[in-house]
Amino acid sequence: MFLESMITEQLSQNLVDVIVIVISQINLMLSLINDMFDLQSMARNRFVAKNKIFNPLVTFKFITDMFTP
């Protein structure tokens, strides 16, 4: 993604922090939209669950990084 490639550039730490926040918000928005599509599929009895390995440590780190100044 374009924003992720910007992090590798020679940018100030403040700018990198802002880019990380923007990326996090984009990912949260995508999750929200996917959840809405899942709910719509459930309402139409067309929902197919995906068996995906869930790593709570990765999720916890993502959340704590989002709120760490």
PDB file of N, CA and C in Angstrom:
ATOM      1  N   MET A   1       0.836  -1.165   0.000  1.00  0.00           N
ATOM      2  CA  MET A   1       0.000   0.000   0.000  1.00  0.00           C
ATOM      3  C   MET A   1       0.887   1.237   0.000  1.00  0.00           C
ATOM      4  N   PHE A   2       0.391   2.286  -0.590  1.00  0.00           N
ATOM      5  CA  PHE A   2       1.159   3.518  -0.734  1.00  0.00           C
ATOM      6  C   PHE A   2       1.589   4.080   0.614  1.00  0.00           C
ATOM      7  N   LEU A   3       0.662   4.125   1.581  1.00  0.00           N
ATOM      8  CA  LEU A   3       0.997   4.693   2.887  1.00  0.00           C
ATOM      9  C   LEU A   3       2.062   3.877   3.598  1.00  0.00           C
ATOM     10  N   GLU A   4       1.997   2.569   3.480  1.00  0.00           N
ATOM     11  CA  GLU A   4       3.006   1.724   4.118  1.00  0.00           C
ATOM     12  C   GLU A   4       4.380   1.958   3.509  1.00  0.00           C
ATOM     13  N   SER A   5       4.429   2.217   2.216  1.00  0.00           N
ATOM     14  CA  SER A   5       5.723   2.487   1.588  1.00  0.00           C
ATOM     15  C   SER A   5       6.279   3.841   2.033  1.00  0.00           C
ATOM     16  N   MET A   6       5.401   4.774   2.389  1.00  0.00           N
ATOM     17  CA  MET A   6       5.865   6.082   2.861  1.00  0.00           C
ATOM     18  C   MET A   6       6.581   5.980   4.204  1.00  0.00           C
ATOM     19  N   ILE A   7       6.219   4.986   5.008  1.00  0.00           N
ATOM     20  CA  ILE A   7       6.840   4.836   6.329  1.00  0.00           C
ATOM     21  C   ILE A   7       8.330   4.557   6.198  1.00  0.00           C
ATOM     22  N   THR A   8       8.724   3.890   5.117  1.00  0.00           N
ATOM     23  CA  THR A   8      10.135   3.546   4.935  1.00  0.00           C
ATOM     24  C   THR A   8      10.970   4.738   4.469  1.00  0.00           C
ATOM     25  N   GLU A   9      10.316   5.824   4.096  1.00  0.00           N
ATOM     26  CA  GLU A   9      11.043   7.013   3.647  1.00  0.00           C
ATOM     27  C   GLU A   9      11.629   7.755   4.842  1.00  0.00           C
ATOM     28  N   GLN A  10      12.474   8.706   4.552  1.00  0.00           N
ATOM     29  CA  GLN A  10      13.090   9.533   5.590  1.00  0.00           C
ATOM     30  C   GLN A  10      12.089  10.610   6.016  1.00  0.00           C
ATOM     31  N   LEU A  11      11.214  10.272   6.957  1.00  0.00           N
ATOM     32  CA  LEU A  11      10.201  11.196   7.437  1.00  0.00           C
ATOM     33  C   LEU A  11      10.389  11.430   8.925  1.00  0.00           C
ATOM     34  N   SER A  12       9.849  12.534   9.393  1.00  0.00           N
ATOM     35  CA  SER A  12       9.910  12.804  10.830  1.00  0.00           C
ATOM     36  C   SER A  12       9.063  11.776  11.570  1.00  0.00           C
ATOM     37  N   GLN A  13       9.365  11.571  12.832  1.00  0.00           N
ATOM     38  CA  GLN A  13       8.631  10.588  13.637  1.00  0.00           C
ATOM     39  C   GLN A  13       7.163  10.974  13.769  1.00  0.00           C
ATOM     40  N   ASN A  14       6.892  12.269  13.872  1.00  0.00           N
ATOM     41  CA  ASN A  14       5.498  12.722  13.963  1.00  0.00           C
ATOM     42  C   ASN A  14       4.707  12.346  12.713  1.00  0.00           C
ATOM     43  N   LEU A  15       5.319  12.511  11.562  1.00  0.00           N
ATOM     44  CA  LEU A  15       4.647  12.174  10.310  1.00  0.00           C
ATOM     45  C   LEU A  15       4.442  10.665  10.200  1.00  0.00           C
ATOM     46  N   VAL A  16       5.419   9.903  10.609  1.00  0.00           N
ATOM     47  CA  VAL A  16       5.280   8.440  10.606  1.00  0.00           C
ATOM     48  C   VAL A  16       4.142   8.029  11.533  1.00  0.00           C
ATOM     49  N   ASP A  17       4.047   8.666  12.700  1.00  0.00           N
ATOM     50  CA  ASP A  17       2.966   8.356  13.643  1.00  0.00           C
ATOM     51  C   ASP A  17       1.597   8.651  13.031  1.00  0.00           C
ATOM     52  N   VAL A  18       1.494   9.758  12.327  1.00  0.00           N
ATOM     53  CA  VAL A  18       0.222  10.110  11.672  1.00  0.00           C
ATOM     54  C   VAL A  18      -0.119   9.086  10.592  1.00  0.00           C
ATOM     55  N   ILE A  19       0.855   8.675   9.819  1.00  0.00           N
ATOM     56  CA  ILE A  19       0.622   7.683   8.763  1.00  0.00           C
ATOM     57  C   ILE A  19       0.167   6.358   9.371  1.00  0.00           C
ATOM     58  N   VAL A  20       0.776   5.957  10.477  1.00  0.00           N
ATOM     59  CA  VAL A  20       0.377   4.713  11.152  1.00  0.00           C
ATOM     60  C   VAL A  20      -1.064   4.820  11.636  1.00  0.00           C
ATOM     61  N   ILE A  21      -1.445   5.962  12.165  1.00  0.00           N
ATOM     62  CA  ILE A  21      -2.827   6.162  12.610  1.00  0.00           C
ATOM     63  C   ILE A  21      -3.783   6.089  11.429  1.00  0.00           C
ATOM     64  N   VAL A  22      -3.432   6.705  10.325  1.00  0.00           N
ATOM     65  CA  VAL A  22      -4.286   6.664   9.129  1.00  0.00           C
ATOM     66  C   VAL A  22      -4.447   5.230   8.642  1.00  0.00           C
ATOM     67  N   ILE A  23      -3.361   4.481   8.602  1.00  0.00           N
ATOM     68  CA  ILE A  23      -3.429   3.076   8.185  1.00  0.00           C
ATOM     69  C   ILE A  23      -4.338   2.294   9.135  1.00  0.00           C
ATOM     70  N   SER A  24      -4.207   2.543  10.417  1.00  0.00           N
ATOM     71  CA  SER A  24      -5.046   1.852  11.403  1.00  0.00           C
ATOM     72  C   SER A  24      -6.523   2.174  11.184  1.00  0.00           C
ATOM     73  N   GLN A  25      -6.816   3.426  10.930  1.00  0.00           N
ATOM     74  CA  GLN A  25      -8.202   3.835  10.710  1.00  0.00           C
ATOM     75  C   GLN A  25      -8.764   3.228   9.424  1.00  0.00           C
ATOM     76  N   ILE A  26      -7.947   3.136   8.405  1.00  0.00           N
ATOM     77  CA  ILE A  26      -8.374   2.495   7.160  1.00  0.00           C
ATOM     78  C   ILE A  26      -8.709   1.028   7.418  1.00  0.00           C
ATOM     79  N   ASN A  27      -7.864   0.358   8.181  1.00  0.00           N
ATOM     80  CA  ASN A  27      -8.114  -1.055   8.493  1.00  0.00           C
ATOM     81  C   ASN A  27      -9.375  -1.233   9.325  1.00  0.00           C
ATOM     82  N   LEU A  28      -9.614  -0.322  10.279  1.00  0.00           N
ATOM     83  CA  LEU A  28     -10.834  -0.394  11.075  1.00  0.00           C
ATOM     84  C   LEU A  28     -12.079  -0.165  10.216  1.00  0.00           C
ATOM     85  N   MET A  29     -11.998   0.780   9.301  1.00  0.00           N
ATOM     86  CA  MET A  29     -13.119   1.048   8.393  1.00  0.00           C
ATOM     87  C   MET A  29     -13.401  -0.166   7.515  1.00  0.00           C
ATOM     88  N   LEU A  30     -12.355  -0.789   7.023  1.00  0.00           N
ATOM     89  CA  LEU A  30     -12.517  -1.990   6.207  1.00  0.00           C
ATOM     90  C   LEU A  30     -13.175  -3.107   7.013  1.00  0.00           C
ATOM     91  N   SER A  31     -12.769  -3.252   8.265  1.00  0.00           N
ATOM     92  CA  SER A  31     -13.382  -4.266   9.123  1.00  0.00           C
ATOM     93  C   SER A  31     -14.862  -3.986   9.341  1.00  0.00           C
ATOM     94  N   LEU A  32     -15.195  -2.727   9.555  1.00  0.00           N
ATOM     95  CA  LEU A  32     -16.591  -2.339   9.750  1.00  0.00           C
ATOM     96  C   LEU A  32     -17.424  -2.657   8.511  1.00  0.00           C
ATOM     97  N   ILE A  33     -16.908  -2.325   7.349  1.00  0.00           N
ATOM     98  CA  ILE A  33     -17.625  -2.598   6.099  1.00  0.00           C
ATOM     99  C   ILE A  33     -17.783  -4.097   5.898  1.00  0.00           C
ATOM    100  N   ASN A  34     -16.735  -4.863   6.170  1.00  0.00           N
ATOM    101  CA  ASN A  34     -16.831  -6.320   6.033  1.00  0.00           C
ATOM    102  C   ASN A  34     -17.859  -6.896   7.000  1.00  0.00           C
ATOM    103  N   ASP A  35     -17.911  -6.352   8.226  1.00  0.00           N
ATOM    104  CA  ASP A  35     -18.915  -6.802   9.194  1.00  0.00           C
ATOM    105  C   ASP A  35     -20.326  -6.494   8.705  1.00  0.00           C
ATOM    106  N   MET A  36     -20.499  -5.341   8.092  1.00  0.00           N
ATOM    107  CA  MET A  36     -21.825  -4.993   7.564  1.00  0.00           C
ATOM    108  C   MET A  36     -22.235  -5.957   6.452  1.00  0.00           C
ATOM    109  N   PHE A  37     -21.291  -6.307   5.589  1.00  0.00           N
ATOM    110  CA  PHE A  37     -21.593  -7.281   4.532  1.00  0.00           C
ATOM    111  C   PHE A  37     -21.913  -8.648   5.130  1.00  0.00           C
ATOM    112  N   ASP A  38     -21.193  -9.034   6.191  1.00  0.00           N
ATOM    113  CA  ASP A  38     -21.472 -10.308   6.855  1.00  0.00           C
ATOM    114  C   ASP A  38     -22.879 -10.319   7.446  1.00  0.00           C
ATOM    115  N   LEU A  39     -23.270  -9.221   8.088  1.00  0.00           N
ATOM    116  CA  LEU A  39     -24.616  -9.129   8.660  1.00  0.00           C
ATOM    117  C   LEU A  39     -25.688  -9.215   7.580  1.00  0.00           C
ATOM    118  N   GLN A  40     -25.430  -8.584   6.461  1.00  0.00           N
ATOM    119  CA  GLN A  40     -26.364  -8.642   5.335  1.00  0.00           C
ATOM    120  C   GLN A  40     -26.468 -10.078   4.817  1.00  0.00           C
ATOM    121  N   SER A  41     -25.349 -10.756   4.732  1.00  0.00           N
ATOM    122  CA  SER A  41     -25.356 -12.149   4.276  1.00  0.00           C
ATOM    123  C   SER A  41     -26.100 -13.039   5.258  1.00  0.00           C
ATOM    124  N   MET A  42     -25.926 -12.777   6.565  1.00  0.00           N
ATOM    125  CA  MET A  42     -26.643 -13.561   7.575  1.00  0.00           C
ATOM    126  C   MET A  42     -28.150 -13.357   7.456  1.00  0.00           C
ATOM    127  N   ALA A  43     -28.554 -12.120   7.218  1.00  0.00           N
ATOM    128  CA  ALA A  43     -29.977 -11.821   7.094  1.00  0.00           C
ATOM    129  C   ALA A  43     -30.586 -12.552   5.900  1.00  0.00           C
ATOM    130  N   ARG A  44     -29.803 -12.779   4.879  1.00  0.00           N
ATOM    131  CA  ARG A  44     -30.284 -13.475   3.675  1.00  0.00           C
ATOM    132  C   ARG A  44     -29.986 -14.971   3.700  1.00  0.00           C
ATOM    133  N   ASN A  45     -29.477 -15.462   4.837  1.00  0.00           N
ATOM    134  CA  ASN A  45     -29.112 -16.879   4.996  1.00  0.00           C
ATOM    135  C   ASN A  45     -28.089 -17.336   3.962  1.00  0.00           C
ATOM    136  N   ARG A  46     -27.155 -16.453   3.627  1.00  0.00           N
ATOM    137  CA  ARG A  46     -26.098 -16.793   2.669  1.00  0.00           C
ATOM    138  C   ARG A  46     -24.709 -16.676   3.286  1.00  0.00           C
ATOM    139  N   PHE A  47     -24.650 -16.523   4.582  1.00  0.00           N
ATOM    140  CA  PHE A  47     -23.362 -16.329   5.253  1.00  0.00           C
ATOM    141  C   PHE A  47     -22.563 -17.627   5.270  1.00  0.00           C
ATOM    142  N   VAL A  48     -21.291 -17.526   4.907  1.00  0.00           N
ATOM    143  CA  VAL A  48     -20.382 -18.666   4.965  1.00  0.00           C
ATOM    144  C   VAL A  48     -19.216 -18.263   5.866  1.00  0.00           C
ATOM    145  N   ALA A  49     -19.104 -18.944   6.994  1.00  0.00           N
ATOM    146  CA  ALA A  49     -18.039 -18.624   7.948  1.00  0.00           C
ATOM    147  C   ALA A  49     -16.684 -19.060   7.390  1.00  0.00           C
ATOM    148  N   LYS A  50     -15.670 -18.248   7.641  1.00  0.00           N
ATOM    149  CA  LYS A  50     -14.311 -18.580   7.232  1.00  0.00           C
ATOM    150  C   LYS A  50     -13.550 -19.040   8.466  1.00  0.00           C
ATOM    151  N   ASN A  51     -12.944 -20.184   8.377  1.00  0.00           N
ATOM    152  CA  ASN A  51     -12.109 -20.675   9.476  1.00  0.00           C
ATOM    153  C   ASN A  51     -10.727 -20.056   9.330  1.00  0.00           C
ATOM    154  N   LYS A  52     -10.480 -19.056  10.151  1.00  0.00           N
ATOM    155  CA  LYS A  52      -9.223 -18.329  10.079  1.00  0.00           C
ATOM    156  C   LYS A  52      -8.561 -18.390  11.446  1.00  0.00           C
ATOM    157  N   ILE A  53      -7.265 -18.620  11.456  1.00  0.00           N
ATOM    158  CA  ILE A  53      -6.532 -18.676  12.712  1.00  0.00           C
ATOM    159  C   ILE A  53      -6.505 -17.277  13.322  1.00  0.00           C
ATOM    160  N   PHE A  54      -6.915 -17.192  14.565  1.00  0.00           N
ATOM    161  CA  PHE A  54      -6.990 -15.927  15.287  1.00  0.00           C
ATOM    162  C   PHE A  54      -5.877 -15.875  16.318  1.00  0.00           C
ATOM    163  N   ASN A  55      -5.078 -14.831  16.244  1.00  0.00           N
ATOM    164  CA  ASN A  55      -3.989 -14.652  17.196  1.00  0.00           C
ATOM    165  C   ASN A  55      -4.315 -13.435  18.064  1.00  0.00           C
ATOM    166  N   PRO A  56      -4.785 -13.659  19.292  1.00  0.00           N
ATOM    167  CA  PRO A  56      -5.176 -12.522  20.134  1.00  0.00           C
ATOM    168  C   PRO A  56      -4.008 -11.604  20.486  1.00  0.00           C
ATOM    169  N   LEU A  57      -2.785 -12.108  20.508  1.00  0.00           N
ATOM    170  CA  LEU A  57      -1.634 -11.256  20.817  1.00  0.00           C
ATOM    171  C   LEU A  57      -1.410 -10.208  19.732  1.00  0.00           C
ATOM    172  N   VAL A  58      -1.583 -10.598  18.481  1.00  0.00           N
ATOM    173  CA  VAL A  58      -1.440  -9.652  17.373  1.00  0.00           C
ATOM    174  C   VAL A  58      -2.526  -8.584  17.463  1.00  0.00           C
ATOM    175  N   THR A  59      -3.739  -9.000  17.753  1.00  0.00           N
ATOM    176  CA  THR A  59      -4.849  -8.054  17.876  1.00  0.00           C
ATOM    177  C   THR A  59      -4.622  -7.110  19.050  1.00  0.00           C
ATOM    178  N   PHE A  60      -4.191  -7.649  20.182  1.00  0.00           N
ATOM    179  CA  PHE A  60      -3.932  -6.820  21.349  1.00  0.00           C
ATOM    180  C   PHE A  60      -2.822  -5.804  21.068  1.00  0.00           C
ATOM    181  N   LYS A  61      -1.761  -6.230  20.396  1.00  0.00           N
ATOM    182  CA  LYS A  61      -0.672  -5.311  20.052  1.00  0.00           C
ATOM    183  C   LYS A  61      -1.166  -4.219  19.117  1.00  0.00           C
ATOM    184  N   PHE A  62      -1.992  -4.582  18.142  1.00  0.00           N
ATOM    185  CA  PHE A  62      -2.555  -3.609  17.208  1.00  0.00           C
ATOM    186  C   PHE A  62      -3.343  -2.543  17.966  1.00  0.00           C
ATOM    187  N   ILE A  63      -4.164  -2.982  18.914  1.00  0.00           N
ATOM    188  CA  ILE A  63      -5.002  -2.049  19.667  1.00  0.00           C
ATOM    189  C   ILE A  63      -4.148  -1.164  20.576  1.00  0.00           C
ATOM    190  N   THR A  64      -3.207  -1.763  21.273  1.00  0.00           N
ATOM    191  CA  THR A  64      -2.373  -0.948  22.182  1.00  0.00           C
ATOM    192  C   THR A  64      -1.480   0.013  21.407  1.00  0.00           C
ATOM    193  N   ASP A  65      -0.990  -0.378  20.256  1.00  0.00           N
ATOM    194  CA  ASP A  65      -0.173   0.519  19.428  1.00  0.00           C
ATOM    195  C   ASP A  65      -0.995   1.712  18.955  1.00  0.00           C
ATOM    196  N   MET A  66      -2.274   1.483  18.711  1.00  0.00           N
ATOM    197  CA  MET A  66      -3.136   2.547  18.239  1.00  0.00           C
ATOM    198  C   MET A  66      -3.306   3.645  19.293  1.00  0.00           C
ATOM    199  N   PHE A  67      -3.290   3.264  20.571  1.00  0.00           N
ATOM    200  CA  PHE A  67      -3.523   4.230  21.624  1.00  0.00           C
ATOM    201  C   PHE A  67      -2.262   4.676  22.350  1.00  0.00           C
ATOM    202  N   THR A  68      -1.126   4.169  21.934  1.00  0.00           N
ATOM    203  CA  THR A  68       0.131   4.566  22.538  1.00  0.00           C
ATOM    204  C   THR A  68       0.637   5.840  21.858  1.00  0.00           C
ATOM    205  N   PRO A  69       0.913   6.886  22.666  1.00  0.00           N
ATOM    206  CA  PRO A  69       1.389   8.144  22.048  1.00  0.00           C
ATOM    207  C   PRO A  69       2.768   8.015  21.438  1.00  0.00           C
TER     208      PRO A  69
END
